[in-house]
Amino acid sequence: MNASVAIQVLPKVETDELVCKIVDEVIAFIKSTGLSYYVGPFETTIEGEFEELMDIVKECQYIAIKSGCPSVMSYIKICFKPEGGVLTIDQKVTKHHK
């Protein structure tokens, strides 16, 4: 693993119910990738190879639009070490959830 990405998708829609529906569809897509991920209250973190993660980030935008929002904003955080060795989700948060 040489990268991790945190993505916050913010659909521009009228109601909280629609926001949740669209975000749930984006998370379902992330889950379907088979990669390790962690859903937090504001963003979802995904671990994997850099190129694959960039494709996932791109697809998340299309999924939000296809799900009914006219526009979407996303905030992305990227940790990339070409040689590998990026800290895992477990290494970062497990100690805080015991």
Foldseek 3Di string as FASTA:
>chain_A
DFKKKKKFKAFPDDDPVLRVVLVVQLVVVLVVVVFDWDDDPGIIMTDDADVVVVVSVVVSQVSSVVSPGPGMDMDMDMGGDPVDDDDDPCNVPVVVVD
